[in-house]
Structures are given as structure tokens and as C-alpha cells.
PDB file of N, CA and C in Angstrom:
ATOM      1  N   MET A   1      32.346  91.913  63.010  1.00  0.00           N
ATOM      2  CA  MET A   1      32.807  90.441  63.095  1.00  0.00           C
ATOM      3  C   MET A   1      32.882  90.121  64.520  1.00  0.00           C
ATOM      4  N   ALA A   2      32.881  90.870  65.843  1.00  0.00           N
ATOM      5  CA  ALA A   2      32.726  90.225  66.907  1.00  0.00           C
ATOM      6  C   ALA A   2      31.060  89.585  67.422  1.00  0.00           C
ATOM      7  N   GLU A   3      30.132  90.151  66.618  1.00  0.00           N
ATOM      8  CA  GLU A   3      28.576  89.097  66.757  1.00  0.00           C
ATOM      9  C   GLU A   3      28.681  88.177  66.708  1.00  0.00           C
ATOM     10  N   PRO A   4      29.062  87.401  65.405  1.00  0.00           N
ATOM     11  CA  PRO A   4      28.997  85.907  65.731  1.00  0.00           C
ATOM     12  C   PRO A   4      29.594  85.588  67.329  1.00  0.00           C
ATOM     13  N   TYR A   5      30.784  85.955  67.348  1.00  0.00           N
ATOM     14  CA  TYR A   5      31.319  85.174  68.886  1.00  0.00           C
ATOM     15  C   TYR A   5      30.565  85.542  69.603  1.00  0.00           C
ATOM     16  N   LEU A   6      29.733  86.805  69.974  1.00  0.00           N
ATOM     17  CA  LEU A   6      28.949  87.499  71.115  1.00  0.00           C
ATOM     18  C   LEU A   6      27.790  86.255  71.083  1.00  0.00           C
ATOM     19  N   SER A   7      27.224  86.253  69.995  1.00  0.00           N
ATOM     20  CA  SER A   7      25.547  85.270  69.731  1.00  0.00           C
ATOM     21  C   SER A   7      26.231  83.861  70.630  1.00  0.00           C
ATOM     22  N   GLU A   8      27.477  83.300  69.576  1.00  0.00           N
ATOM     23  CA  GLU A   8      27.719  82.208  70.415  1.00  0.00           C
ATOM     24  C   GLU A   8      27.940  81.714  71.611  1.00  0.00           C
ATOM     25  N   LEU A   9      28.553  82.735  72.203  1.00  0.00           N
ATOM     26  CA  LEU A   9      28.857  82.718  74.271  1.00  0.00           C
ATOM     27  C   LEU A   9      27.564  82.985  74.454  1.00  0.00           C
ATOM     28  N   ARG A  10      26.855  83.858  74.175  1.00  0.00           N
ATOM     29  CA  ARG A  10      25.582  83.651  74.936  1.00  0.00           C
ATOM     30  C   ARG A  10      24.744  82.516  75.507  1.00  0.00           C
ATOM     31  N   SER A  11      25.052  81.777  74.036  1.00  0.00           N
ATOM     32  CA  SER A  11      24.390  80.643  73.724  1.00  0.00           C
ATOM     33  C   SER A  11      24.851  79.357  74.278  1.00  0.00           C
ATOM     34  N   ILE A  12      26.331  79.785  74.486  1.00  0.00           N
ATOM     35  CA  ILE A  12      26.548  78.607  75.469  1.00  0.00           C
ATOM     36  C   ILE A  12      26.456  79.064  76.840  1.00  0.00           C
ATOM     37  N   VAL A  13      26.483  80.206  77.339  1.00  0.00           N
ATOM     38  CA  VAL A  13      26.321  80.549  78.887  1.00  0.00           C
ATOM     39  C   VAL A  13      24.672  80.278  79.002  1.00  0.00           C
ATOM     40  N   GLU A  14      24.219  80.207  78.067  1.00  0.00           N
ATOM     41  CA  GLU A  14      22.519  80.250  78.447  1.00  0.00           C
ATOM     42  C   GLU A  14      22.602  78.551  78.371  1.00  0.00           C
ATOM     43  N   GLN A  15      23.268  77.461  77.798  1.00  0.00           N
ATOM     44  CA  GLN A  15      22.943  75.982  77.992  1.00  0.00           C
ATOM     45  C   GLN A  15      23.804  75.513  79.296  1.00  0.00           C
ATOM     46  N   ALA A  16      24.661  76.459  79.810  1.00  0.00           N
ATOM     47  CA  ALA A  16      25.804  76.111  80.806  1.00  0.00           C
ATOM     48  C   ALA A  16      24.699  76.900  82.188  1.00  0.00           C
ATOM     49  N   ASN A  17      24.228  77.891  81.904  1.00  0.00           N
ATOM     50  CA  ASN A  17      23.770  78.739  82.753  1.00  0.00           C
ATOM     51  C   ASN A  17      22.864  77.964  83.735  1.00  0.00           C
ATOM     52  N   LEU A  18      22.167  76.409  83.109  1.00  0.00           N
ATOM     53  CA  LEU A  18      21.283  75.718  83.748  1.00  0.00           C
ATOM     54  C   LEU A  18      21.797  75.232  85.055  1.00  0.00           C
ATOM     55  N   ARG A  19      23.194  74.988  84.903  1.00  0.00           N
ATOM     56  CA  ARG A  19      23.941  74.374  86.120  1.00  0.00           C
ATOM     57  C   ARG A  19      24.711  75.231  87.047  1.00  0.00           C
ATOM     58  N   CYS A  20      24.778  76.729  86.453  1.00  0.00           N
ATOM     59  CA  CYS A  20      25.639  77.508  87.181  1.00  0.00           C
ATOM     60  C   CYS A  20      25.009  78.596  87.567  1.00  0.00           C
ATOM     61  N   LYS A  21      23.870  78.846  88.441  1.00  0.00           N
ATOM     62  CA  LYS A  21      23.554  79.739  88.664  1.00  0.00           C
ATOM     63  C   LYS A  21      24.431  80.712  90.190  1.00  0.00           C
ATOM     64  N   THR A  22      24.480  81.941  89.855  1.00  0.00           N
ATOM     65  CA  THR A  22      25.466  82.488  90.272  1.00  0.00           C
ATOM     66  C   THR A  22      24.226  83.928  90.424  1.00  0.00           C
ATOM     67  N   PRO A  23      24.669  84.650  91.803  1.00  0.00           N
ATOM     68  CA  PRO A  23      23.661  86.047  91.887  1.00  0.00           C
ATOM     69  C   PRO A  23      24.515  86.996  91.127  1.00  0.00           C
ATOM     70  N   GLY A  24      23.520  87.699  90.327  1.00  0.00           N
ATOM     71  CA  GLY A  24      23.805  88.650  89.519  1.00  0.00           C
ATOM     72  C   GLY A  24      23.885  88.209  88.357  1.00  0.00           C
ATOM     73  N   GLY A  25      23.750  86.801  87.684  1.00  0.00           N
ATOM     74  CA  GLY A  25      24.085  86.245  86.628  1.00  0.00           C
ATOM     75  C   GLY A  25      24.955  86.489  86.095  1.00  0.00           C
ATOM     76  N   ILE A  26      25.527  86.051  84.800  1.00  0.00           N
ATOM     77  CA  ILE A  26      26.599  86.079  83.989  1.00  0.00           C
ATOM     78  C   ILE A  26      26.225  87.328  82.484  1.00  0.00           C
ATOM     79  N   LEU A  27      27.121  88.116  82.382  1.00  0.00           N
ATOM     80  CA  LEU A  27      27.244  89.311  81.012  1.00  0.00           C
ATOM     81  C   LEU A  27      28.003  88.780  80.171  1.00  0.00           C
ATOM     82  N   CYS A  28      27.643  88.952  79.026  1.00  0.00           N
ATOM     83  CA  CYS A  28      28.172  88.350  77.743  1.00  0.00           C
ATOM     84  C   CYS A  28      28.897  89.801  77.055  1.00  0.00           C
ATOM     85  N   ARG A  29      29.929  90.485  76.764  1.00  0.00           N
ATOM     86  CA  ARG A  29      30.050  91.397  76.091  1.00  0.00           C
ATOM     87  C   ARG A  29      31.164  91.566  74.736  1.00  0.00           C
ATOM     88  N   HIS A  30      31.020  92.225  73.953  1.00  0.00           N
ATOM     89  CA  HIS A  30      32.350  92.334  72.884  1.00  0.00           C
ATOM     90  C   HIS A  30      33.493  92.133  73.452  1.00  0.00           C
ATOM     91  N   PHE A  31      34.200  91.888  72.482  1.00  0.00           N
ATOM     92  CA  PHE A  31      35.451  91.687  73.529  1.00  0.00           C
ATOM     93  C   PHE A  31      36.835  91.901  72.284  1.00  0.00           C
ATOM     94  N   PHE A  32      37.235  92.909  72.320  1.00  0.00           N
ATOM     95  CA  PHE A  32      38.441  92.414  71.000  1.00  0.00           C
ATOM     96  C   PHE A  32      37.425  92.436  69.707  1.00  0.00           C
ATOM     97  N   SER A  33      37.836  91.218  68.751  1.00  0.00           N
ATOM     98  CA  SER A  33      37.611  91.112  67.861  1.00  0.00           C
ATOM     99  C   SER A  33      36.457  89.696  68.090  1.00  0.00           C
ATOM    100  N   GLY A  34      36.032  89.535  69.750  1.00  0.00           N
ATOM    101  CA  GLY A  34      35.368  88.206  70.039  1.00  0.00           C
ATOM    102  C   GLY A  34      34.406  88.397  71.153  1.00  0.00           C
ATOM    103  N   ALA A  35      34.324  87.801  72.328  1.00  0.00           N
ATOM    104  CA  ALA A  35      33.221  88.070  73.159  1.00  0.00           C
ATOM    105  C   ALA A  35      33.740  87.301  74.324  1.00  0.00           C
ATOM    106  N   ALA A  36      33.529  87.807  75.443  1.00  0.00           N
ATOM    107  CA  ALA A  36      33.727  87.379  76.777  1.00  0.00           C
ATOM    108  C   ALA A  36      32.583  87.432  77.852  1.00  0.00           C
ATOM    109  N   ALA A  37      32.716  86.300  78.760  1.00  0.00           N
ATOM    110  CA  ALA A  37      31.708  86.634  79.831  1.00  0.00           C
ATOM    111  C   ALA A  37      31.957  86.732  81.222  1.00  0.00           C
ATOM    112  N   TYR A  38      31.592  87.421  81.837  1.00  0.00           N
ATOM    113  CA  TYR A  38      31.548  87.999  82.989  1.00  0.00           C
ATOM    114  C   TYR A  38      30.820  87.879  84.182  1.00  0.00           C
ATOM    115  N   VAL A  39      30.982  87.823  85.131  1.00  0.00           N
ATOM    116  CA  VAL A  39      30.663  87.792  86.842  1.00  0.00           C
ATOM    117  C   VAL A  39      31.200  88.157  87.637  1.00  0.00           C
ATOM    118  N   ASP A  40      30.202  89.742  88.478  1.00  0.00           N
ATOM    119  CA  ASP A  40      30.574  89.851  89.464  1.00  0.00           C
ATOM    120  C   ASP A  40      31.544  90.680  88.904  1.00  0.00           C
ATOM    121  N   GLY A  41      31.640  90.987  87.864  1.00  0.00           N
ATOM    122  CA  GLY A  41      32.550  92.175  86.873  1.00  0.00           C
ATOM    123  C   GLY A  41      34.101  91.321  86.453  1.00  0.00           C
ATOM    124  N   HIS A  42      33.927  90.024  86.649  1.00  0.00           N
ATOM    125  CA  HIS A  42      35.314  89.579  86.171  1.00  0.00           C
ATOM    126  C   HIS A  42      34.995  88.601  85.289  1.00  0.00           C
ATOM    127  N   ILE A  43      36.250  88.621  84.574  1.00  0.00           N
ATOM    128  CA  ILE A  43      36.373  87.629  82.857  1.00  0.00           C
ATOM    129  C   ILE A  43      36.475  86.365  83.297  1.00  0.00           C
ATOM    130  N   PHE A  44      35.702  85.275  82.876  1.00  0.00           N
ATOM    131  CA  PHE A  44      36.021  84.345  83.053  1.00  0.00           C
ATOM    132  C   PHE A  44      35.852  83.493  82.033  1.00  0.00           C
ATOM    133  N   MET A  45      35.582  83.616  80.721  1.00  0.00           N
ATOM    134  CA  MET A  45      35.405  82.856  79.549  1.00  0.00           C
ATOM    135  C   MET A  45      35.339  83.867  78.414  1.00  0.00           C
ATOM    136  N   THR A  46      36.490  83.737  77.401  1.00  0.00           N
ATOM    137  CA  THR A  46      36.200  84.438  76.104  1.00  0.00           C
ATOM    138  C   THR A  46      35.757  83.750  74.764  1.00  0.00           C
ATOM    139  N   LEU A  47      35.680  84.030  73.848  1.00  0.00           N
ATOM    140  CA  LEU A  47      35.315  83.348  72.648  1.00  0.00           C
ATOM    141  C   LEU A  47      35.767  83.843  71.736  1.00  0.00           C
ATOM    142  N   THR A  48      36.854  84.154  70.887  1.00  0.00           N
ATOM    143  CA  THR A  48      38.058  84.864  70.176  1.00  0.00           C
ATOM    144  C   THR A  48      38.221  83.888  68.490  1.00  0.00           C
ATOM    145  N   THR A  49      38.786  84.029  67.866  1.00  0.00           N
ATOM    146  CA  THR A  49      39.341  83.206  66.600  1.00  0.00           C
ATOM    147  C   THR A  49      40.283  81.884  67.193  1.00  0.00           C
ATOM    148  N   VAL A  50      40.432  82.241  68.186  1.00  0.00           N
ATOM    149  CA  VAL A  50      41.587  81.352  69.118  1.00  0.00           C
ATOM    150  C   VAL A  50      40.666  80.306  69.544  1.00  0.00           C
ATOM    151  N   GLY A  51      39.633  80.240  70.489  1.00  0.00           N
ATOM    152  CA  GLY A  51      38.614  79.337  70.551  1.00  0.00           C
ATOM    153  C   GLY A  51      38.075  79.798  71.878  1.00  0.00           C
ATOM    154  N   LEU A  52      37.125  79.030  72.532  1.00  0.00           N
ATOM    155  CA  LEU A  52      36.965  79.032  73.734  1.00  0.00           C
ATOM    156  C   LEU A  52      37.823  78.633  74.764  1.00  0.00           C
ATOM    157  N   ALA A  53      38.104  79.937  75.110  1.00  0.00           N
ATOM    158  CA  ALA A  53      39.205  79.958  76.627  1.00  0.00           C
ATOM    159  C   ALA A  53      38.448  80.081  77.919  1.00  0.00           C
ATOM    160  N   LEU A  54      38.978  79.553  78.991  1.00  0.00           N
ATOM    161  CA  LEU A  54      38.401  79.546  80.731  1.00  0.00           C
ATOM    162  C   LEU A  54      39.325  80.076  81.361  1.00  0.00           C
ATOM    163  N   LYS A  55      39.256  80.995  82.573  1.00  0.00           N
ATOM    164  CA  LYS A  55      40.413  81.284  83.361  1.00  0.00           C
ATOM    165  C   LYS A  55      39.870  80.183  84.606  1.00  0.00           C
ATOM    166  N   LEU A  56      41.369  79.330  84.567  1.00  0.00           N
ATOM    167  CA  LEU A  56      40.882  78.170  85.671  1.00  0.00           C
ATOM    168  C   LEU A  56      42.237  78.248  86.388  1.00  0.00           C
ATOM    169  N   PRO A  57      42.447  78.015  87.924  1.00  0.00           N
ATOM    170  CA  PRO A  57      43.326  77.700  88.434  1.00  0.00           C
ATOM    171  C   PRO A  57      44.511  76.680  87.852  1.00  0.00           C
ATOM    172  N   GLU A  58      45.659  76.676  88.338  1.00  0.00           N
ATOM    173  CA  GLU A  58      46.672  75.869  87.620  1.00  0.00           C
ATOM    174  C   GLU A  58      46.581  74.176  87.431  1.00  0.00           C
ATOM    175  N   ASP A  59      45.754  73.743  88.546  1.00  0.00           N
ATOM    176  CA  ASP A  59      45.446  72.237  88.567  1.00  0.00           C
ATOM    177  C   ASP A  59      44.647  72.042  87.344  1.00  0.00           C
ATOM    178  N   ASP A  60      43.591  72.543  87.297  1.00  0.00           N
ATOM    179  CA  ASP A  60      42.432  72.556  86.176  1.00  0.00           C
ATOM    180  C   ASP A  60      43.137  72.729  84.898  1.00  0.00           C
ATOM    181  N   ARG A  61      44.058  73.822  84.873  1.00  0.00           N
ATOM    182  CA  ARG A  61      44.139  73.785  83.571  1.00  0.00           C
ATOM    183  C   ARG A  61      45.375  72.685  82.942  1.00  0.00           C
ATOM    184  N   SER A  62      46.411  72.462  84.007  1.00  0.00           N
ATOM    185  CA  SER A  62      47.120  71.125  83.353  1.00  0.00           C
ATOM    186  C   SER A  62      46.116  70.037  83.186  1.00  0.00           C
ATOM    187  N   THR A  63      44.898  69.716  83.928  1.00  0.00           N
ATOM    188  CA  THR A  63      44.234  68.590  83.637  1.00  0.00           C
ATOM    189  C   THR A  63      43.813  68.903  81.587  1.00  0.00           C
ATOM    190  N   LEU A  64      43.141  70.168  82.110  1.00  0.00           N
ATOM    191  CA  LEU A  64      43.001  70.414  80.750  1.00  0.00           C
ATOM    192  C   LEU A  64      43.866  69.975  79.441  1.00  0.00           C
ATOM    193  N   PHE A  65      44.974  71.042  79.642  1.00  0.00           N
ATOM    194  CA  PHE A  65      46.241  70.237  78.432  1.00  0.00           C
ATOM    195  C   PHE A  65      46.704  69.301  78.329  1.00  0.00           C
ATOM    196  N   ASP A  66      46.413  68.692  79.571  1.00  0.00           N
ATOM    197  CA  ASP A  66      46.576  66.960  79.226  1.00  0.00           C
ATOM    198  C   ASP A  66      45.359  66.599  78.691  1.00  0.00           C
ATOM    199  N   GLN A  67      44.148  66.780  78.510  1.00  0.00           N
ATOM    200  CA  GLN A  67      43.106  66.501  77.584  1.00  0.00           C
ATOM    201  C   GLN A  67      43.124  67.122  75.883  1.00  0.00           C
ATOM    202  N   GLY A  68      44.367  67.743  75.872  1.00  0.00           N
ATOM    203  CA  GLY A  68      44.679  68.721  74.348  1.00  0.00           C
ATOM    204  C   GLY A  68      44.410  70.251  74.585  1.00  0.00           C
ATOM    205  N   ALA A  69      43.992  70.386  75.662  1.00  0.00           N
ATOM    206  CA  ALA A  69      43.597  72.218  75.655  1.00  0.00           C
ATOM    207  C   ALA A  69      44.951  72.651  75.293  1.00  0.00           C
ATOM    208  N   LYS A  70      44.816  73.831  74.835  1.00  0.00           N
ATOM    209  CA  LYS A  70      46.296  74.407  74.485  1.00  0.00           C
ATOM    210  C   LYS A  70      46.230  75.897  75.566  1.00  0.00           C
ATOM    211  N   SER A  71      47.386  76.606  75.309  1.00  0.00           N
ATOM    212  CA  SER A  71      47.732  78.092  75.995  1.00  0.00           C
ATOM    213  C   SER A  71      46.827  78.982  75.498  1.00  0.00           C
ATOM    214  N   LEU A  72      46.350  79.908  75.947  1.00  0.00           N
ATOM    215  CA  LEU A  72      45.864  81.271  75.502  1.00  0.00           C
ATOM    216  C   LEU A  72      46.557  82.319  75.007  1.00  0.00           C
ATOM    217  N   GLN A  73      46.890  82.527  73.526  1.00  0.00           N
ATOM    218  CA  GLN A  73      47.713  83.599  73.102  1.00  0.00           C
ATOM    219  C   GLN A  73      46.825  84.034  71.963  1.00  0.00           C
ATOM    220  N   TYR A  74      46.460  85.424  72.006  1.00  0.00           N
ATOM    221  CA  TYR A  74      45.226  86.044  71.066  1.00  0.00           C
ATOM    222  C   TYR A  74      45.945  86.240  69.363  1.00  0.00           C
ATOM    223  N   PHE A  75      47.074  86.361  69.548  1.00  0.00           N
ATOM    224  CA  PHE A  75      48.130  86.271  68.214  1.00  0.00           C
ATOM    225  C   PHE A  75      49.383  86.065  68.446  1.00  0.00           C
ATOM    226  N   PRO A  76      50.125  86.100  67.556  1.00  0.00           N
ATOM    227  CA  PRO A  76      51.669  85.348  67.296  1.00  0.00           C
ATOM    228  C   PRO A  76      52.390  86.091  68.287  1.00  0.00           C
ATOM    229  N   GLN A  77      52.476  87.448  68.297  1.00  0.00           N
ATOM    230  CA  GLN A  77      53.635  87.946  68.952  1.00  0.00           C
ATOM    231  C   GLN A  77      53.091  88.726  70.579  1.00  0.00           C
ATOM    232  N   ALA A  78      52.041  88.169  70.761  1.00  0.00           N
ATOM    233  CA  ALA A  78      51.525  88.500  71.785  1.00  0.00           C
ATOM    234  C   ALA A  78      51.691  87.694  72.840  1.00  0.00           C
ATOM    235  N   PRO A  79      51.574  88.090  74.470  1.00  0.00           N
ATOM    236  CA  PRO A  79      52.322  87.437  75.540  1.00  0.00           C
ATOM    237  C   PRO A  79      50.839  86.423  75.508  1.00  0.00           C
ATOM    238  N   ILE A  80      51.393  85.206  76.614  1.00  0.00           N
ATOM    239  CA  ILE A  80      50.413  84.096  76.942  1.00  0.00           C
ATOM    240  C   ILE A  80      49.745  84.486  77.951  1.00  0.00           C
ATOM    241  N   LYS A  81      48.235  84.244  77.874  1.00  0.00           N
ATOM    242  CA  LYS A  81      47.350  84.361  79.014  1.00  0.00           C
ATOM    243  C   LYS A  81      47.399  83.665  79.871  1.00  0.00           C
ATOM    244  N   LYS A  82      48.093  83.313  81.207  1.00  0.00           N
ATOM    245  CA  LYS A  82      49.169  82.288  81.828  1.00  0.00           C
ATOM    246  C   LYS A  82      47.775  81.652  82.504  1.00  0.00           C
ATOM    247  N   ASP A  83      46.560  82.466  82.999  1.00  0.00           N
ATOM    248  CA  ASP A  83      45.454  82.067  83.804  1.00  0.00           C
ATOM    249  C   ASP A  83      44.651  80.945  82.631  1.00  0.00           C
ATOM    250  N   TYR A  84      44.263  80.870  81.584  1.00  0.00           N
ATOM    251  CA  TYR A  84      43.556  80.370  80.573  1.00  0.00           C
ATOM    252  C   TYR A  84      43.779  79.597  80.173  1.00  0.00           C
ATOM    253  N   ALA A  85      42.713  78.905  79.817  1.00  0.00           N
ATOM    254  CA  ALA A  85      43.240  77.503  78.356  1.00  0.00           C
ATOM    255  C   ALA A  85      42.328  77.171  77.534  1.00  0.00           C
ATOM    256  N   VAL A  86      42.622  77.055  76.329  1.00  0.00           N
ATOM    257  CA  VAL A  86      41.729  77.297  75.208  1.00  0.00           C
ATOM    258  C   VAL A  86      41.389  75.456  75.036  1.00  0.00           C
ATOM    259  N   LEU A  87      39.941  75.348  74.819  1.00  0.00           N
ATOM    260  CA  LEU A  87      39.310  74.032  75.433  1.00  0.00           C
ATOM    261  C   LEU A  87      39.653  73.596  74.102  1.00  0.00           C
ATOM    262  N   PRO A  88      39.590  71.630  73.990  1.00  0.00           N
ATOM    263  CA  PRO A  88      39.431  71.237  72.789  1.00  0.00           C
ATOM    264  C   PRO A  88      38.460  71.334  72.165  1.00  0.00           C
ATOM    265  N   SER A  89      38.296  71.248  70.902  1.00  0.00           N
ATOM    266  CA  SER A  89      36.817  71.394  70.365  1.00  0.00           C
ATOM    267  C   SER A  89      35.836  70.367  70.821  1.00  0.00           C
ATOM    268  N   ARG A  90      36.380  68.692  70.757  1.00  0.00           N
ATOM    269  CA  ARG A  90      35.485  67.745  71.579  1.00  0.00           C
ATOM    270  C   ARG A  90      35.126  67.948  72.892  1.00  0.00           C
ATOM    271  N   LEU A  91      35.623  68.911  73.713  1.00  0.00           N
ATOM    272  CA  LEU A  91      34.794  69.155  75.045  1.00  0.00           C
ATOM    273  C   LEU A  91      33.766  70.202  74.742  1.00  0.00           C
ATOM    274  N   LEU A  92      33.817  70.801  73.896  1.00  0.00           N
ATOM    275  CA  LEU A  92      32.421  71.815  73.405  1.00  0.00           C
ATOM    276  C   LEU A  92      31.297  71.055  73.193  1.00  0.00           C
ATOM    277  N   ASP A  93      31.206  69.825  72.861  1.00  0.00           N
ATOM    278  CA  ASP A  93      30.552  69.225  72.044  1.00  0.00           C
ATOM    279  C   ASP A  93      29.883  68.805  73.294  1.00  0.00           C
ATOM    280  N   ASP A  94      30.292  68.668  74.410  1.00  0.00           N
ATOM    281  CA  ASP A  94      30.033  67.738  75.893  1.00  0.00           C
ATOM    282  C   ASP A  94      29.698  68.577  76.414  1.00  0.00           C
ATOM    283  N   HIS A  95      27.958  68.697  76.504  1.00  0.00           N
ATOM    284  CA  HIS A  95      27.188  70.383  77.576  1.00  0.00           C
ATOM    285  C   HIS A  95      28.024  69.776  78.984  1.00  0.00           C
ATOM    286  N   SER A  96      27.289  68.715  79.537  1.00  0.00           N
ATOM    287  CA  SER A  96      27.512  68.302  80.748  1.00  0.00           C
ATOM    288  C   SER A  96      29.059  68.706  81.437  1.00  0.00           C
ATOM    289  N   ARG A  97      29.730  68.230  80.770  1.00  0.00           N
ATOM    290  CA  ARG A  97      31.615  68.422  80.951  1.00  0.00           C
ATOM    291  C   ARG A  97      31.861  69.969  80.915  1.00  0.00           C
ATOM    292  N   LEU A  98      31.497  70.546  79.698  1.00  0.00           N
ATOM    293  CA  LEU A  98      31.559  71.909  79.491  1.00  0.00           C
ATOM    294  C   LEU A  98      30.806  72.742  80.431  1.00  0.00           C
ATOM    295  N   SER A  99      29.612  72.189  80.907  1.00  0.00           N
ATOM    296  CA  SER A  99      29.053  73.081  82.167  1.00  0.00           C
ATOM    297  C   SER A  99      30.422  72.937  83.066  1.00  0.00           C
ATOM    298  N   ASP A 100      30.433  71.626  83.700  1.00  0.00           N
ATOM    299  CA  ASP A 100      31.531  71.901  84.814  1.00  0.00           C
ATOM    300  C   ASP A 100      32.320  72.609  84.661  1.00  0.00           C
ATOM    301  N   TRP A 101      33.063  72.442  83.390  1.00  0.00           N
ATOM    302  CA  TRP A 101      34.764  73.412  83.546  1.00  0.00           C
ATOM    303  C   TRP A 101      34.123  75.042  83.661  1.00  0.00           C
ATOM    304  N   ILE A 102      32.913  75.378  82.867  1.00  0.00           N
ATOM    305  CA  ILE A 102      32.740  76.715  83.330  1.00  0.00           C
ATOM    306  C   ILE A 102      32.228  76.977  84.591  1.00  0.00           C
ATOM    307  N   SER A 103      31.407  76.176  85.288  1.00  0.00           N
ATOM    308  CA  SER A 103      30.896  76.172  86.518  1.00  0.00           C
ATOM    309  C   SER A 103      32.362  76.212  87.788  1.00  0.00           C
ATOM    310  N   ARG A 104      33.520  75.670  87.320  1.00  0.00           N
ATOM    311  CA  ARG A 104      34.791  75.725  87.679  1.00  0.00           C
ATOM    312  C   ARG A 104      35.410  77.052  87.318  1.00  0.00           C
ATOM    313  N   SER A 105      35.362  77.514  86.676  1.00  0.00           N
ATOM    314  CA  SER A 105      35.778  78.845  86.063  1.00  0.00           C
ATOM    315  C   SER A 105      35.523  79.951  86.946  1.00  0.00           C
ATOM    316  N   ILE A 106      33.826  79.867  87.021  1.00  0.00           N
ATOM    317  CA  ILE A 106      33.215  81.136  87.808  1.00  0.00           C
ATOM    318  C   ILE A 106      33.536  80.937  89.013  1.00  0.00           C
ATOM    319  N   ASP A 107      34.028  79.625  89.817  1.00  0.00           N
ATOM    320  CA  ASP A 107      33.959  79.530  90.951  1.00  0.00           C
ATOM    321  C   ASP A 107      35.325  80.088  91.706  1.00  0.00           C
ATOM    322  N   PHE A 108      36.489  79.997  90.412  1.00  0.00           N
ATOM    323  CA  PHE A 108      37.915  80.229  90.394  1.00  0.00           C
ATOM    324  C   PHE A 108      37.987  81.767  90.791  1.00  0.00           C
ATOM    325  N   VAL A 109      37.144  82.693  89.738  1.00  0.00           N
ATOM    326  CA  VAL A 109      36.892  84.216  89.307  1.00  0.00           C
ATOM    327  C   VAL A 109      36.409  84.392  90.612  1.00  0.00           C
ATOM    328  N   LEU A 110      35.700  83.672  91.507  1.00  0.00           N
ATOM    329  CA  LEU A 110      34.669  84.326  92.479  1.00  0.00           C
ATOM    330  C   LEU A 110      35.264  84.017  93.545  1.00  0.00           C
ATOM    331  N   GLY A 111      36.206  83.070  93.635  1.00  0.00           N
ATOM    332  CA  GLY A 111      37.181  82.966  94.820  1.00  0.00           C
ATOM    333  C   GLY A 111      38.040  83.522  95.450  1.00  0.00           C
TER     334      GLY A 111
END
């Protein structure tokens, strides 16, 4: 079940990686029933049944929440992952803006 998520996440990373050059690159792996992207051993992005989520600082998450993002909660009784925002679908179609947000996420986890 995770394979489609892994393939899709790799595709997203390939498109964004044109603007997000990082030493050592970005590694995508299976993550529970989805996939996660890592940079320098740190998870910065997940793609699961709940959507594409980025790990971001509070100000960036607030901006995204104002634009329709949701808190990350993998299933109803699970805790909310407070450092993550699940992106609204319309942002996924805007490759330039998505690349910018992915860059911010990478900077955050590396900072």
C-alpha cells in the first residue's frame, strides 16, 4: 500500500529538487502506510492517507493554516504532530510555491 505514496513523494521531490539543492540530497523511504522524505537524517515531509505534510516553524504553519492547511493527525485517536502542516490540495498544483515551502521545511530541519 505504501508503494504508490513512495513513488508520488519521489516525484514531488524530483520536481522540487531543482530548486532545493542540498548536500547529500533527499532520501525517500517507506513510512508506516505512506512515505517520508529525509534530509541529513531528518524527516521534513510525509505523504500518507491524510495528505502531504511539511515540518515547519510556527510562523510558517500559521501562514499555511490561514490558507487552508490542516494539523497533522495520522488517525483519529493519534496525537497531533504539532510541527507539521498538511498542505491544501490547491498548493500541491502550484509547483513553484510548493518548492518554496519544501525549501522552508528543509531549512527548518537543518537549522
